[in-house]
């Protein structure tokens, strides 16, 4: 299968360089180039490429707005069972000089399959285009991954800070594998009170099962 790609970037020299790099591979064809967000949306509708390689800062509409409009169009087509929509919707892969969190998380929330920075090795960009076209997700640059890890760590620390001292104690004992009766006996409280603590822990940390609570306790150093 030849992978059909649309390039969206407001710098002609950048587009030209990316085009040469991609078309050096026989399985990739650049079928269109856009220098602003409106053109990108038009080309996606007209050409139905497998991949839209998308810059973030462009005239008229930025990459984030383009990604959100494409996501809304996919949802609308799915709701209407639109027979005219392509069997495989265009997948979005960001290729940007910018790595700020608003762009990264906004784009991924809009359903993009990956986010690469322009300092990435050419082979990585080619592999990402192939992977995204094949239906793979989460192709991200090392710099982007670091930001995602920091954001996740911050969220986990914030969640942990929301626990009361007693809830933290209960979670630590959960991590050691204690059952509710054992927790009640160890803390000199009723089983009903234990259940209330456990329910609040699940809610505050967005956990669903006891196994997830045990894993959380271990991952965050509550259990040695």
N, C-alpha and C. Protein backbone atom coordinates (compact mmCIF):
# COMPACT_ATOMS: atom_id res chain seq x y z
N UNK A 1 0.84 -1.19 0.00
CA UNK A 1 0.00 0.00 0.00
C UNK A 1 0.88 1.25 0.00
N UNK A 2 0.56 2.19 -0.85
CA UNK A 2 1.23 3.48 -0.84
C UNK A 2 0.55 4.38 0.18
N UNK A 3 1.33 4.92 1.09
CA UNK A 3 0.80 5.79 2.13
C UNK A 3 0.66 7.20 1.57
N UNK A 4 -0.55 7.71 1.57
CA UNK A 4 -0.82 9.03 1.01
C UNK A 4 -0.81 10.06 2.13
N UNK A 5 0.03 11.10 1.96
CA UNK A 5 0.28 12.08 3.02
C UNK A 5 -0.04 13.49 2.52
N UNK A 6 -0.68 14.28 3.38
CA UNK A 6 -0.80 15.72 3.16
C UNK A 6 0.10 16.42 4.18
N UNK A 7 0.90 17.37 3.69
CA UNK A 7 1.78 18.17 4.54
C UNK A 7 1.11 19.51 4.82
N UNK A 8 1.07 19.91 6.08
CA UNK A 8 0.53 21.22 6.43
C UNK A 8 1.56 21.98 7.25
N UNK A 9 2.17 22.98 6.62
CA UNK A 9 3.19 23.80 7.27
C UNK A 9 3.27 25.11 6.51
N UNK A 10 3.42 26.23 7.23
CA UNK A 10 3.40 27.52 6.54
C UNK A 10 4.75 27.92 5.95
N UNK A 11 5.78 27.10 6.12
CA UNK A 11 7.10 27.40 5.58
C UNK A 11 7.37 26.52 4.35
N UNK A 12 7.42 27.11 3.15
CA UNK A 12 7.63 26.31 1.93
C UNK A 12 8.92 25.50 1.96
N UNK A 13 9.98 26.07 2.51
CA UNK A 13 11.26 25.35 2.55
C UNK A 13 11.13 24.11 3.43
N UNK A 14 10.45 24.25 4.56
CA UNK A 14 10.25 23.11 5.45
C UNK A 14 9.42 22.04 4.75
N UNK A 15 8.33 22.46 4.10
CA UNK A 15 7.50 21.49 3.38
C UNK A 15 8.31 20.77 2.32
N UNK A 16 9.12 21.54 1.59
CA UNK A 16 9.92 20.92 0.53
C UNK A 16 10.89 19.89 1.07
N UNK A 17 11.53 20.22 2.19
CA UNK A 17 12.47 19.27 2.78
C UNK A 17 11.80 18.01 3.27
N UNK A 18 10.64 18.17 3.90
CA UNK A 18 9.91 17.01 4.40
C UNK A 18 9.43 16.15 3.23
N UNK A 19 8.96 16.81 2.18
CA UNK A 19 8.49 16.07 1.01
C UNK A 19 9.60 15.21 0.41
N UNK A 20 10.78 15.81 0.23
CA UNK A 20 11.91 15.05 -0.31
C UNK A 20 12.25 13.87 0.59
N UNK A 21 12.25 14.13 1.90
CA UNK A 21 12.59 13.07 2.84
C UNK A 21 11.59 11.91 2.76
N UNK A 22 10.30 12.23 2.72
CA UNK A 22 9.28 11.18 2.70
C UNK A 22 9.27 10.43 1.38
N UNK A 23 9.35 11.18 0.27
CA UNK A 23 9.22 10.54 -1.03
C UNK A 23 10.49 9.82 -1.48
N UNK A 24 11.52 9.88 -0.63
CA UNK A 24 12.69 9.03 -0.87
C UNK A 24 12.35 7.56 -0.61
N UNK A 25 11.17 7.35 -0.01
CA UNK A 25 10.71 5.99 0.29
C UNK A 25 9.55 5.65 -0.65
N UNK A 26 9.64 4.52 -1.31
CA UNK A 26 8.70 4.18 -2.37
C UNK A 26 7.28 3.95 -1.87
N UNK A 27 7.14 3.70 -0.57
CA UNK A 27 5.80 3.40 -0.05
C UNK A 27 5.08 4.65 0.46
N UNK A 28 5.67 5.83 0.28
CA UNK A 28 5.06 7.07 0.75
C UNK A 28 4.93 8.06 -0.40
N UNK A 29 3.76 8.67 -0.52
CA UNK A 29 3.52 9.68 -1.55
C UNK A 29 2.88 10.91 -0.91
N UNK A 30 3.46 12.07 -1.13
CA UNK A 30 2.87 13.33 -0.67
C UNK A 30 1.88 13.78 -1.73
N UNK A 31 0.60 13.76 -1.39
CA UNK A 31 -0.45 14.06 -2.37
C UNK A 31 -0.92 15.50 -2.31
N UNK A 32 -0.50 16.25 -1.31
CA UNK A 32 -0.92 17.64 -1.21
C UNK A 32 -0.13 18.39 -0.16
N UNK A 33 -0.05 19.72 -0.34
CA UNK A 33 0.64 20.59 0.61
C UNK A 33 -0.26 21.77 0.95
N UNK A 34 -0.31 22.09 2.24
CA UNK A 34 -1.11 23.23 2.70
C UNK A 34 -0.22 24.18 3.47
N UNK A 35 -0.44 25.49 3.26
CA UNK A 35 0.37 26.46 4.01
C UNK A 35 -0.43 27.15 5.11
N UNK A 36 -1.71 26.76 5.28
CA UNK A 36 -2.49 27.26 6.42
C UNK A 36 -3.53 26.21 6.82
N UNK A 37 -4.19 26.47 7.92
CA UNK A 37 -5.13 25.49 8.45
C UNK A 37 -6.34 25.25 7.57
N UNK A 38 -6.86 26.31 6.96
CA UNK A 38 -8.01 26.15 6.07
C UNK A 38 -7.67 25.25 4.89
N UNK A 39 -6.49 25.46 4.31
CA UNK A 39 -6.08 24.61 3.19
C UNK A 39 -5.92 23.16 3.63
N UNK A 40 -5.40 22.96 4.83
CA UNK A 40 -5.22 21.60 5.34
C UNK A 40 -6.56 20.88 5.42
N UNK A 41 -7.58 21.56 5.96
CA UNK A 41 -8.90 20.95 6.07
C UNK A 41 -9.49 20.65 4.69
N UNK A 42 -9.31 21.58 3.76
CA UNK A 42 -9.83 21.38 2.40
C UNK A 42 -9.17 20.17 1.73
N UNK A 43 -7.86 20.07 1.85
CA UNK A 43 -7.15 18.96 1.22
C UNK A 43 -7.51 17.62 1.84
N UNK A 44 -7.70 17.60 3.15
CA UNK A 44 -8.10 16.35 3.80
C UNK A 44 -9.47 15.92 3.28
N UNK A 45 -10.40 16.87 3.16
CA UNK A 45 -11.74 16.52 2.65
C UNK A 45 -11.68 16.05 1.20
N UNK A 46 -10.85 16.71 0.38
CA UNK A 46 -10.82 16.39 -1.05
C UNK A 46 -9.99 15.14 -1.36
N UNK A 47 -8.90 14.94 -0.65
CA UNK A 47 -7.95 13.88 -1.01
C UNK A 47 -8.02 12.66 -0.10
N UNK A 48 -8.63 12.80 1.08
CA UNK A 48 -8.73 11.70 2.04
C UNK A 48 -7.40 10.96 2.22
N UNK A 49 -6.34 11.67 2.60
CA UNK A 49 -5.04 11.00 2.76
C UNK A 49 -5.06 10.07 3.97
N UNK A 50 -4.08 9.17 4.00
CA UNK A 50 -3.96 8.32 5.17
C UNK A 50 -3.46 9.10 6.38
N UNK A 51 -2.54 10.05 6.13
CA UNK A 51 -1.90 10.80 7.22
C UNK A 51 -1.87 12.29 6.88
N UNK A 52 -2.22 13.10 7.87
CA UNK A 52 -2.00 14.54 7.79
C UNK A 52 -0.83 14.87 8.71
N UNK A 53 0.28 15.30 8.11
CA UNK A 53 1.46 15.70 8.89
C UNK A 53 1.31 17.19 9.16
N UNK A 54 1.09 17.54 10.43
CA UNK A 54 0.50 18.83 10.78
C UNK A 54 1.42 19.67 11.66
N UNK A 55 1.69 20.90 11.20
CA UNK A 55 2.40 21.88 12.03
C UNK A 55 1.39 22.52 12.98
N UNK A 56 1.89 23.12 14.07
CA UNK A 56 0.99 23.71 15.05
C UNK A 56 0.66 25.17 14.77
N UNK A 57 1.65 25.96 14.40
CA UNK A 57 1.41 27.39 14.21
C UNK A 57 1.37 27.73 12.73
N UNK A 58 0.14 27.99 12.24
CA UNK A 58 -0.07 28.33 10.84
C UNK A 58 -1.08 29.47 10.76
N UNK A 59 -1.12 30.20 9.63
CA UNK A 59 -2.12 31.25 9.46
C UNK A 59 -3.54 30.67 9.40
N UNK A 60 -4.48 31.57 9.67
CA UNK A 60 -5.93 31.28 9.58
C UNK A 60 -6.38 30.29 10.65
N UNK A 61 -5.92 29.05 10.58
CA UNK A 61 -6.23 28.08 11.62
C UNK A 61 -4.94 27.37 12.02
N UNK A 62 -4.70 27.29 13.32
CA UNK A 62 -3.54 26.57 13.80
C UNK A 62 -3.78 25.07 13.79
N UNK A 63 -2.73 24.32 14.06
CA UNK A 63 -2.84 22.86 14.04
C UNK A 63 -3.84 22.31 15.03
N UNK A 64 -3.90 22.92 16.21
CA UNK A 64 -4.83 22.42 17.22
C UNK A 64 -6.27 22.58 16.76
N UNK A 65 -6.59 23.72 16.15
CA UNK A 65 -7.94 23.95 15.64
C UNK A 65 -8.26 22.98 14.50
N UNK A 66 -7.29 22.74 13.64
CA UNK A 66 -7.49 21.79 12.55
C UNK A 66 -7.79 20.39 13.10
N UNK A 67 -7.01 19.95 14.07
CA UNK A 67 -7.21 18.62 14.64
C UNK A 67 -8.59 18.50 15.29
N UNK A 68 -9.00 19.54 15.98
CA UNK A 68 -10.31 19.50 16.64
C UNK A 68 -11.45 19.47 15.61
N UNK A 69 -11.31 20.22 14.52
CA UNK A 69 -12.35 20.20 13.49
C UNK A 69 -12.42 18.84 12.81
N UNK A 70 -11.29 18.22 12.58
CA UNK A 70 -11.29 16.89 11.98
C UNK A 70 -11.93 15.87 12.93
N UNK A 71 -11.63 16.00 14.22
CA UNK A 71 -12.23 15.08 15.20
C UNK A 71 -13.74 15.25 15.24
N UNK A 72 -14.20 16.50 15.21
CA UNK A 72 -15.65 16.76 15.22
C UNK A 72 -16.30 16.20 13.97
N UNK A 73 -15.63 16.33 12.83
CA UNK A 73 -16.18 15.79 11.58
C UNK A 73 -16.28 14.28 11.62
N UNK A 74 -15.27 13.63 12.21
CA UNK A 74 -15.32 12.16 12.33
C UNK A 74 -16.48 11.73 13.21
N UNK A 75 -16.66 12.44 14.32
CA UNK A 75 -17.77 12.08 15.23
C UNK A 75 -19.11 12.28 14.54
N UNK A 76 -19.24 13.37 13.78
CA UNK A 76 -20.50 13.63 13.08
C UNK A 76 -20.76 12.56 12.03
N UNK A 77 -19.72 12.19 11.28
CA UNK A 77 -19.88 11.16 10.25
C UNK A 77 -20.27 9.83 10.87
N UNK A 78 -19.65 9.52 12.01
CA UNK A 78 -19.97 8.25 12.68
C UNK A 78 -21.41 8.25 13.18
N UNK A 79 -21.85 9.39 13.71
CA UNK A 79 -23.22 9.48 14.23
C UNK A 79 -24.24 9.35 13.12
N UNK A 80 -23.89 9.86 11.94
CA UNK A 80 -24.82 9.81 10.80
C UNK A 80 -24.63 8.56 9.95
N UNK A 81 -23.61 7.76 10.30
CA UNK A 81 -23.26 6.60 9.47
C UNK A 81 -23.08 7.05 8.03
N UNK A 82 -22.33 8.12 7.86
CA UNK A 82 -22.17 8.77 6.57
C UNK A 82 -21.41 7.87 5.60
N UNK A 83 -22.09 7.38 4.60
CA UNK A 83 -21.49 6.45 3.64
C UNK A 83 -20.45 7.13 2.75
N UNK A 84 -20.47 8.47 2.71
CA UNK A 84 -19.50 9.17 1.87
C UNK A 84 -18.17 9.40 2.57
N UNK A 85 -18.12 9.15 3.87
CA UNK A 85 -16.86 9.36 4.59
C UNK A 85 -15.90 8.23 4.28
N UNK A 86 -14.58 8.49 4.29
CA UNK A 86 -13.63 7.45 3.94
C UNK A 86 -13.66 6.29 4.92
N UNK A 87 -13.37 5.08 4.41
CA UNK A 87 -13.40 3.90 5.27
C UNK A 87 -12.41 4.04 6.41
N UNK A 88 -11.24 4.61 6.10
CA UNK A 88 -10.25 4.88 7.14
C UNK A 88 -10.04 6.38 7.21
N UNK A 89 -10.51 7.05 8.27
CA UNK A 89 -10.36 8.50 8.34
C UNK A 89 -8.89 8.88 8.41
N UNK A 90 -8.61 10.09 7.95
CA UNK A 90 -7.24 10.60 7.99
C UNK A 90 -6.75 10.67 9.43
N UNK A 91 -5.55 10.16 9.64
CA UNK A 91 -4.96 10.18 10.97
C UNK A 91 -3.97 11.34 11.04
N UNK A 92 -3.95 11.99 12.20
CA UNK A 92 -3.17 13.21 12.37
C UNK A 92 -1.88 12.91 13.12
N UNK A 93 -0.78 13.40 12.57
CA UNK A 93 0.53 13.31 13.21
C UNK A 93 1.13 14.70 13.25
N UNK A 94 1.35 15.24 14.43
CA UNK A 94 1.94 16.57 14.55
C UNK A 94 3.44 16.51 14.30
N UNK A 95 3.93 17.50 13.57
CA UNK A 95 5.37 17.68 13.39
C UNK A 95 5.62 19.17 13.57
N UNK A 96 6.07 19.53 14.77
CA UNK A 96 6.10 20.94 15.14
C UNK A 96 7.41 21.32 15.80
N UNK A 97 7.74 22.61 15.69
CA UNK A 97 8.91 23.14 16.40
C UNK A 97 8.56 23.43 17.85
N UNK A 98 7.28 23.39 18.18
CA UNK A 98 6.83 23.78 19.52
C UNK A 98 6.44 22.54 20.33
N UNK A 99 6.84 22.55 21.60
CA UNK A 99 6.52 21.41 22.46
C UNK A 99 5.84 21.86 23.74
N UNK A 100 5.05 22.95 23.66
CA UNK A 100 4.37 23.38 24.88
C UNK A 100 3.18 22.46 25.17
N UNK A 101 2.81 22.39 26.42
CA UNK A 101 1.82 21.41 26.86
C UNK A 101 0.45 21.66 26.27
N UNK A 102 0.10 22.92 26.04
CA UNK A 102 -1.22 23.21 25.46
C UNK A 102 -1.38 22.52 24.12
N UNK A 103 -0.36 22.59 23.29
CA UNK A 103 -0.41 21.95 21.99
C UNK A 103 -0.40 20.43 22.13
N UNK A 104 0.52 19.91 22.94
CA UNK A 104 0.69 18.46 23.04
C UNK A 104 -0.60 17.79 23.53
N UNK A 105 -1.06 18.22 24.70
CA UNK A 105 -2.22 17.54 25.29
C UNK A 105 -3.51 17.89 24.57
N UNK A 106 -3.59 19.10 24.04
CA UNK A 106 -4.77 19.47 23.26
C UNK A 106 -4.89 18.62 22.01
N UNK A 107 -3.75 18.42 21.34
CA UNK A 107 -3.77 17.65 20.10
C UNK A 107 -4.08 16.18 20.37
N UNK A 108 -3.45 15.61 21.39
CA UNK A 108 -3.71 14.21 21.71
C UNK A 108 -5.15 14.01 22.18
N UNK A 109 -5.68 14.98 22.93
CA UNK A 109 -7.08 14.90 23.35
C UNK A 109 -8.02 14.97 22.14
N UNK A 110 -7.56 15.62 21.07
CA UNK A 110 -8.39 15.73 19.86
C UNK A 110 -8.28 14.48 18.99
N UNK A 111 -7.55 13.47 19.47
CA UNK A 111 -7.50 12.21 18.74
C UNK A 111 -6.31 12.03 17.83
N UNK A 112 -5.32 12.93 17.92
CA UNK A 112 -4.13 12.77 17.09
C UNK A 112 -3.39 11.50 17.48
N UNK A 113 -2.69 10.95 16.50
CA UNK A 113 -1.99 9.68 16.73
C UNK A 113 -0.56 9.86 17.23
N UNK A 114 -0.07 11.10 17.22
CA UNK A 114 1.28 11.30 17.70
C UNK A 114 1.70 12.74 17.63
N UNK A 115 2.84 13.03 18.27
CA UNK A 115 3.35 14.40 18.31
C UNK A 115 4.87 14.33 18.26
N UNK A 116 5.45 14.75 17.14
CA UNK A 116 6.89 14.77 16.97
C UNK A 116 7.38 16.21 16.88
N UNK A 117 8.60 16.44 17.34
CA UNK A 117 9.22 17.75 17.16
C UNK A 117 10.13 17.70 15.94
N UNK A 118 10.39 18.88 15.38
CA UNK A 118 11.10 18.94 14.10
C UNK A 118 12.59 18.62 14.21
N UNK A 119 13.09 18.48 15.43
CA UNK A 119 14.49 18.08 15.58
C UNK A 119 14.64 16.56 15.61
N UNK A 120 13.54 15.86 15.33
CA UNK A 120 13.57 14.40 15.33
C UNK A 120 14.40 13.88 14.14
N UNK A 121 15.00 12.73 14.32
CA UNK A 121 15.76 12.11 13.24
C UNK A 121 14.81 11.77 12.07
N UNK A 122 15.25 11.96 10.83
CA UNK A 122 14.39 11.67 9.68
C UNK A 122 13.80 10.25 9.71
N UNK A 123 14.59 9.28 10.11
CA UNK A 123 14.08 7.89 10.15
C UNK A 123 12.92 7.76 11.11
N UNK A 124 12.96 8.51 12.22
CA UNK A 124 11.88 8.47 13.20
C UNK A 124 10.59 9.03 12.59
N UNK A 125 10.72 10.11 11.83
CA UNK A 125 9.54 10.71 11.20
C UNK A 125 8.93 9.75 10.19
N UNK A 126 9.77 9.12 9.38
CA UNK A 126 9.28 8.15 8.39
C UNK A 126 8.61 6.97 9.08
N UNK A 127 9.23 6.45 10.13
CA UNK A 127 8.64 5.33 10.86
C UNK A 127 7.30 5.72 11.49
N UNK A 128 7.22 6.96 11.97
CA UNK A 128 5.97 7.42 12.58
C UNK A 128 4.87 7.52 11.54
N UNK A 129 5.18 8.04 10.37
CA UNK A 129 4.18 8.13 9.29
C UNK A 129 3.67 6.72 8.95
N UNK A 130 4.58 5.78 8.82
CA UNK A 130 4.17 4.41 8.52
C UNK A 130 3.33 3.82 9.65
N UNK A 131 3.77 4.03 10.88
CA UNK A 131 3.04 3.48 12.00
C UNK A 131 1.65 4.06 12.14
N UNK A 132 1.55 5.38 12.01
CA UNK A 132 0.25 6.05 12.11
C UNK A 132 -0.68 5.58 10.99
N UNK A 133 -0.15 5.45 9.78
CA UNK A 133 -0.97 4.97 8.66
C UNK A 133 -1.48 3.57 8.90
N UNK A 134 -0.72 2.77 9.65
CA UNK A 134 -1.11 1.39 9.95
C UNK A 134 -2.06 1.30 11.14
N UNK A 135 -2.39 2.45 11.74
CA UNK A 135 -3.35 2.46 12.83
C UNK A 135 -2.74 2.53 14.21
N UNK A 136 -1.43 2.73 14.28
CA UNK A 136 -0.77 2.81 15.59
C UNK A 136 -0.92 4.22 16.16
N UNK A 137 -0.90 4.32 17.50
CA UNK A 137 -1.02 5.60 18.17
C UNK A 137 0.20 5.87 19.05
N UNK A 138 0.23 7.10 19.56
CA UNK A 138 1.23 7.53 20.54
C UNK A 138 2.66 7.48 20.01
N UNK A 139 2.84 7.99 18.80
CA UNK A 139 4.18 8.24 18.29
C UNK A 139 4.60 9.60 18.82
N UNK A 140 5.51 9.63 19.77
CA UNK A 140 5.87 10.89 20.41
C UNK A 140 7.38 11.04 20.50
N UNK A 141 7.85 12.28 20.44
CA UNK A 141 9.26 12.58 20.59
C UNK A 141 9.68 12.38 22.05
N UNK A 142 10.98 12.22 22.25
CA UNK A 142 11.49 12.06 23.61
C UNK A 142 11.16 13.29 24.46
N UNK A 143 11.29 14.49 23.87
CA UNK A 143 10.97 15.71 24.61
C UNK A 143 9.50 15.74 25.01
N UNK A 144 8.64 15.28 24.12
CA UNK A 144 7.20 15.24 24.42
C UNK A 144 6.92 14.21 25.50
N UNK A 145 7.58 13.07 25.42
CA UNK A 145 7.39 12.03 26.43
C UNK A 145 7.78 12.53 27.82
N UNK A 146 8.86 13.30 27.90
CA UNK A 146 9.28 13.85 29.19
C UNK A 146 8.21 14.76 29.77
N UNK A 147 7.62 15.58 28.93
CA UNK A 147 6.55 16.48 29.41
C UNK A 147 5.34 15.67 29.88
N UNK A 148 5.01 14.60 29.15
CA UNK A 148 3.87 13.78 29.55
C UNK A 148 4.14 13.09 30.88
N UNK A 149 5.37 12.63 31.08
CA UNK A 149 5.73 11.99 32.34
C UNK A 149 5.65 12.98 33.48
N UNK A 150 6.15 14.21 33.25
CA UNK A 150 6.09 15.23 34.30
C UNK A 150 4.65 15.58 34.64
N UNK A 151 3.82 15.69 33.61
CA UNK A 151 2.40 16.01 33.85
C UNK A 151 1.74 14.89 34.65
N UNK A 152 2.01 13.65 34.28
CA UNK A 152 1.41 12.52 34.99
C UNK A 152 1.89 12.48 36.43
N UNK A 153 3.19 12.75 36.64
CA UNK A 153 3.72 12.75 38.00
C UNK A 153 3.06 13.84 38.84
N UNK A 154 2.88 15.02 38.23
CA UNK A 154 2.22 16.11 38.93
C UNK A 154 0.79 15.73 39.31
N UNK A 155 0.08 15.11 38.37
CA UNK A 155 -1.31 14.73 38.65
C UNK A 155 -1.37 13.70 39.78
N UNK A 156 -0.44 12.74 39.76
CA UNK A 156 -0.43 11.72 40.80
C UNK A 156 -0.09 12.33 42.16
N UNK A 157 0.86 13.26 42.18
CA UNK A 157 1.22 13.91 43.43
C UNK A 157 0.05 14.73 43.97
N UNK A 158 -0.66 15.40 43.06
CA UNK A 158 -1.82 16.18 43.47
C UNK A 158 -2.91 15.27 44.04
N UNK A 159 -3.12 14.12 43.38
CA UNK A 159 -4.10 13.17 43.89
C UNK A 159 -3.71 12.67 45.27
N UNK A 160 -2.42 12.34 45.43
CA UNK A 160 -1.93 11.83 46.71
C UNK A 160 -2.12 12.87 47.80
N UNK A 161 -1.89 14.14 47.47
CA UNK A 161 -2.03 15.20 48.46
C UNK A 161 -3.47 15.36 48.91
N UNK A 162 -4.42 14.92 48.09
CA UNK A 162 -5.84 15.03 48.44
C UNK A 162 -6.26 13.99 49.48
N UNK A 163 -5.45 12.95 49.71
CA UNK A 163 -5.80 11.92 50.68
C UNK A 163 -5.58 12.44 52.10
N UNK A 164 -6.48 12.08 52.99
CA UNK A 164 -6.29 12.40 54.41
C UNK A 164 -5.23 11.47 54.99
N UNK A 165 -4.66 11.81 56.16
CA UNK A 165 -3.68 10.92 56.79
C UNK A 165 -4.23 9.50 57.00
N UNK A 166 -5.49 9.39 57.41
CA UNK A 166 -6.08 8.08 57.63
C UNK A 166 -6.23 7.32 56.32
N UNK A 167 -6.65 8.01 55.25
CA UNK A 167 -6.79 7.36 53.95
C UNK A 167 -5.43 6.89 53.43
N UNK A 168 -4.40 7.69 53.67
CA UNK A 168 -3.05 7.27 53.28
C UNK A 168 -2.64 6.02 54.04
N UNK A 169 -2.97 5.96 55.31
CA UNK A 169 -2.66 4.79 56.13
C UNK A 169 -3.40 3.56 55.61
N UNK A 170 -4.67 3.73 55.29
CA UNK A 170 -5.47 2.62 54.77
C UNK A 170 -4.88 2.14 53.44
N UNK A 171 -4.50 3.08 52.58
CA UNK A 171 -3.96 2.71 51.28
C UNK A 171 -2.64 1.95 51.43
N UNK A 172 -1.81 2.37 52.38
CA UNK A 172 -0.55 1.66 52.62
C UNK A 172 -0.81 0.23 53.05
N UNK A 173 -1.81 0.02 53.89
CA UNK A 173 -2.14 -1.34 54.34
C UNK A 173 -2.77 -2.15 53.21
N UNK A 174 -3.55 -1.48 52.36
CA UNK A 174 -4.07 -2.17 51.17
C UNK A 174 -2.90 -2.67 50.32
N UNK A 175 -1.89 -1.83 50.20
CA UNK A 175 -0.73 -2.21 49.42
C UNK A 175 -0.01 -3.41 49.97
N UNK A 176 -0.12 -3.63 51.25
CA UNK A 176 0.49 -4.80 51.89
C UNK A 176 -0.40 -6.04 51.79
N UNK A 177 -1.58 -5.87 51.19
CA UNK A 177 -2.44 -7.03 50.95
C UNK A 177 -3.44 -7.33 52.03
N UNK A 178 -3.65 -6.41 52.97
CA UNK A 178 -4.60 -6.67 54.05
C UNK A 178 -6.03 -6.64 53.52
N UNK A 179 -6.86 -7.54 54.04
CA UNK A 179 -8.28 -7.55 53.71
C UNK A 179 -8.99 -6.51 54.56
N UNK A 180 -10.27 -6.26 54.25
CA UNK A 180 -11.03 -5.29 55.04
C UNK A 180 -11.11 -5.68 56.51
N UNK A 181 -11.41 -6.95 56.87
CA UNK A 181 -11.41 -7.32 58.29
C UNK A 181 -10.04 -7.10 58.95
N UNK A 182 -8.97 -7.42 58.24
CA UNK A 182 -7.64 -7.21 58.79
C UNK A 182 -7.34 -5.72 58.96
N UNK A 183 -7.78 -4.91 57.98
CA UNK A 183 -7.61 -3.47 58.12
C UNK A 183 -8.36 -2.94 59.34
N UNK A 184 -9.59 -3.39 59.52
CA UNK A 184 -10.39 -2.94 60.65
C UNK A 184 -9.72 -3.31 61.97
N UNK A 185 -9.20 -4.53 62.04
CA UNK A 185 -8.55 -4.98 63.27
C UNK A 185 -7.26 -4.20 63.51
N UNK A 186 -6.50 -3.94 62.46
CA UNK A 186 -5.22 -3.25 62.61
C UNK A 186 -5.41 -1.80 63.03
N UNK A 187 -6.48 -1.15 62.53
CA UNK A 187 -6.68 0.26 62.80
C UNK A 187 -7.70 0.53 63.91
N UNK A 188 -8.27 -0.56 64.47
CA UNK A 188 -9.25 -0.45 65.55
C UNK A 188 -10.47 0.37 65.13
N UNK A 189 -10.95 0.06 63.91
CA UNK A 189 -12.15 0.69 63.39
C UNK A 189 -13.06 -0.39 62.84
N UNK A 190 -14.30 -0.03 62.53
CA UNK A 190 -15.25 -1.02 62.02
C UNK A 190 -15.00 -1.29 60.54
N UNK A 191 -15.51 -2.45 60.08
CA UNK A 191 -15.37 -2.76 58.66
C UNK A 191 -16.12 -1.75 57.80
N UNK A 192 -17.23 -1.25 58.31
CA UNK A 192 -17.98 -0.24 57.56
C UNK A 192 -17.15 1.02 57.34
N UNK A 193 -16.42 1.42 58.36
CA UNK A 193 -15.56 2.60 58.24
C UNK A 193 -14.43 2.34 57.24
N UNK A 194 -13.90 1.11 57.28
CA UNK A 194 -12.87 0.73 56.31
C UNK A 194 -13.41 0.87 54.89
N UNK A 195 -14.60 0.34 54.66
CA UNK A 195 -15.19 0.41 53.32
C UNK A 195 -15.37 1.86 52.87
N UNK A 196 -15.77 2.73 53.81
CA UNK A 196 -15.93 4.15 53.46
C UNK A 196 -14.59 4.76 53.06
N UNK A 197 -13.54 4.44 53.82
CA UNK A 197 -12.21 4.95 53.48
C UNK A 197 -11.77 4.46 52.11
N UNK A 198 -11.98 3.17 51.85
CA UNK A 198 -11.56 2.59 50.58
C UNK A 198 -12.31 3.23 49.41
N UNK A 199 -13.60 3.45 49.59
CA UNK A 199 -14.40 4.08 48.53
C UNK A 199 -13.90 5.48 48.23
N UNK A 200 -13.56 6.25 49.28
CA UNK A 200 -13.06 7.60 49.05
C UNK A 200 -11.69 7.58 48.37
N UNK A 201 -10.86 6.60 48.73
CA UNK A 201 -9.55 6.46 48.08
C UNK A 201 -9.73 6.19 46.59
N UNK A 202 -10.62 5.26 46.27
CA UNK A 202 -10.88 4.94 44.86
C UNK A 202 -11.33 6.19 44.10
N UNK A 203 -12.23 6.96 44.72
CA UNK A 203 -12.78 8.14 44.05
C UNK A 203 -11.70 9.20 43.85
N UNK A 204 -10.90 9.48 44.88
CA UNK A 204 -9.90 10.53 44.79
C UNK A 204 -8.78 10.19 43.82
N UNK A 205 -8.42 8.92 43.73
CA UNK A 205 -7.30 8.52 42.87
C UNK A 205 -7.75 7.94 41.54
N UNK A 206 -9.05 7.98 41.28
CA UNK A 206 -9.61 7.45 40.02
C UNK A 206 -9.23 5.98 39.83
N UNK A 207 -9.37 5.20 40.89
CA UNK A 207 -9.09 3.78 40.84
C UNK A 207 -10.40 3.01 40.75
N UNK A 208 -10.33 1.79 40.21
CA UNK A 208 -11.55 0.99 40.05
C UNK A 208 -11.51 -0.32 40.83
N UNK A 209 -10.33 -0.85 41.06
CA UNK A 209 -10.23 -2.16 41.69
C UNK A 209 -9.20 -2.14 42.81
N UNK A 210 -9.26 -3.17 43.64
CA UNK A 210 -8.30 -3.30 44.73
C UNK A 210 -6.89 -3.50 44.17
N UNK A 211 -6.79 -4.23 43.06
CA UNK A 211 -5.48 -4.45 42.44
C UNK A 211 -4.85 -3.13 42.01
N UNK A 212 -5.65 -2.21 41.47
CA UNK A 212 -5.13 -0.90 41.09
C UNK A 212 -4.67 -0.12 42.32
N UNK A 213 -5.40 -0.24 43.42
CA UNK A 213 -5.01 0.45 44.65
C UNK A 213 -3.69 -0.09 45.18
N UNK A 214 -3.53 -1.41 45.12
CA UNK A 214 -2.27 -2.03 45.56
C UNK A 214 -1.12 -1.53 44.69
N UNK A 215 -1.32 -1.52 43.38
CA UNK A 215 -0.28 -1.07 42.47
C UNK A 215 0.07 0.40 42.72
N UNK A 216 -0.95 1.23 42.96
CA UNK A 216 -0.72 2.65 43.23
C UNK A 216 0.12 2.82 44.49
N UNK A 217 -0.20 2.07 45.53
CA UNK A 217 0.54 2.17 46.80
C UNK A 217 2.00 1.80 46.61
N UNK A 218 2.26 0.77 45.83
CA UNK A 218 3.64 0.36 45.56
C UNK A 218 4.38 1.39 44.71
N UNK A 219 3.72 1.87 43.67
CA UNK A 219 4.36 2.81 42.75
C UNK A 219 4.73 4.12 43.43
N UNK A 220 3.98 4.48 44.49
CA UNK A 220 4.20 5.79 45.14
C UNK A 220 4.87 5.65 46.51
N UNK A 221 5.51 4.52 46.73
CA UNK A 221 6.36 4.38 47.91
C UNK A 221 5.64 4.23 49.23
N UNK A 222 4.34 3.90 49.20
CA UNK A 222 3.64 3.69 50.46
C UNK A 222 3.95 2.32 51.06
N UNK A 223 4.50 1.43 50.24
CA UNK A 223 4.86 0.09 50.68
C UNK A 223 6.35 -0.11 50.37
N UNK A 224 7.10 -0.53 51.36
CA UNK A 224 8.54 -0.80 51.12
C UNK A 224 8.74 -2.26 50.80
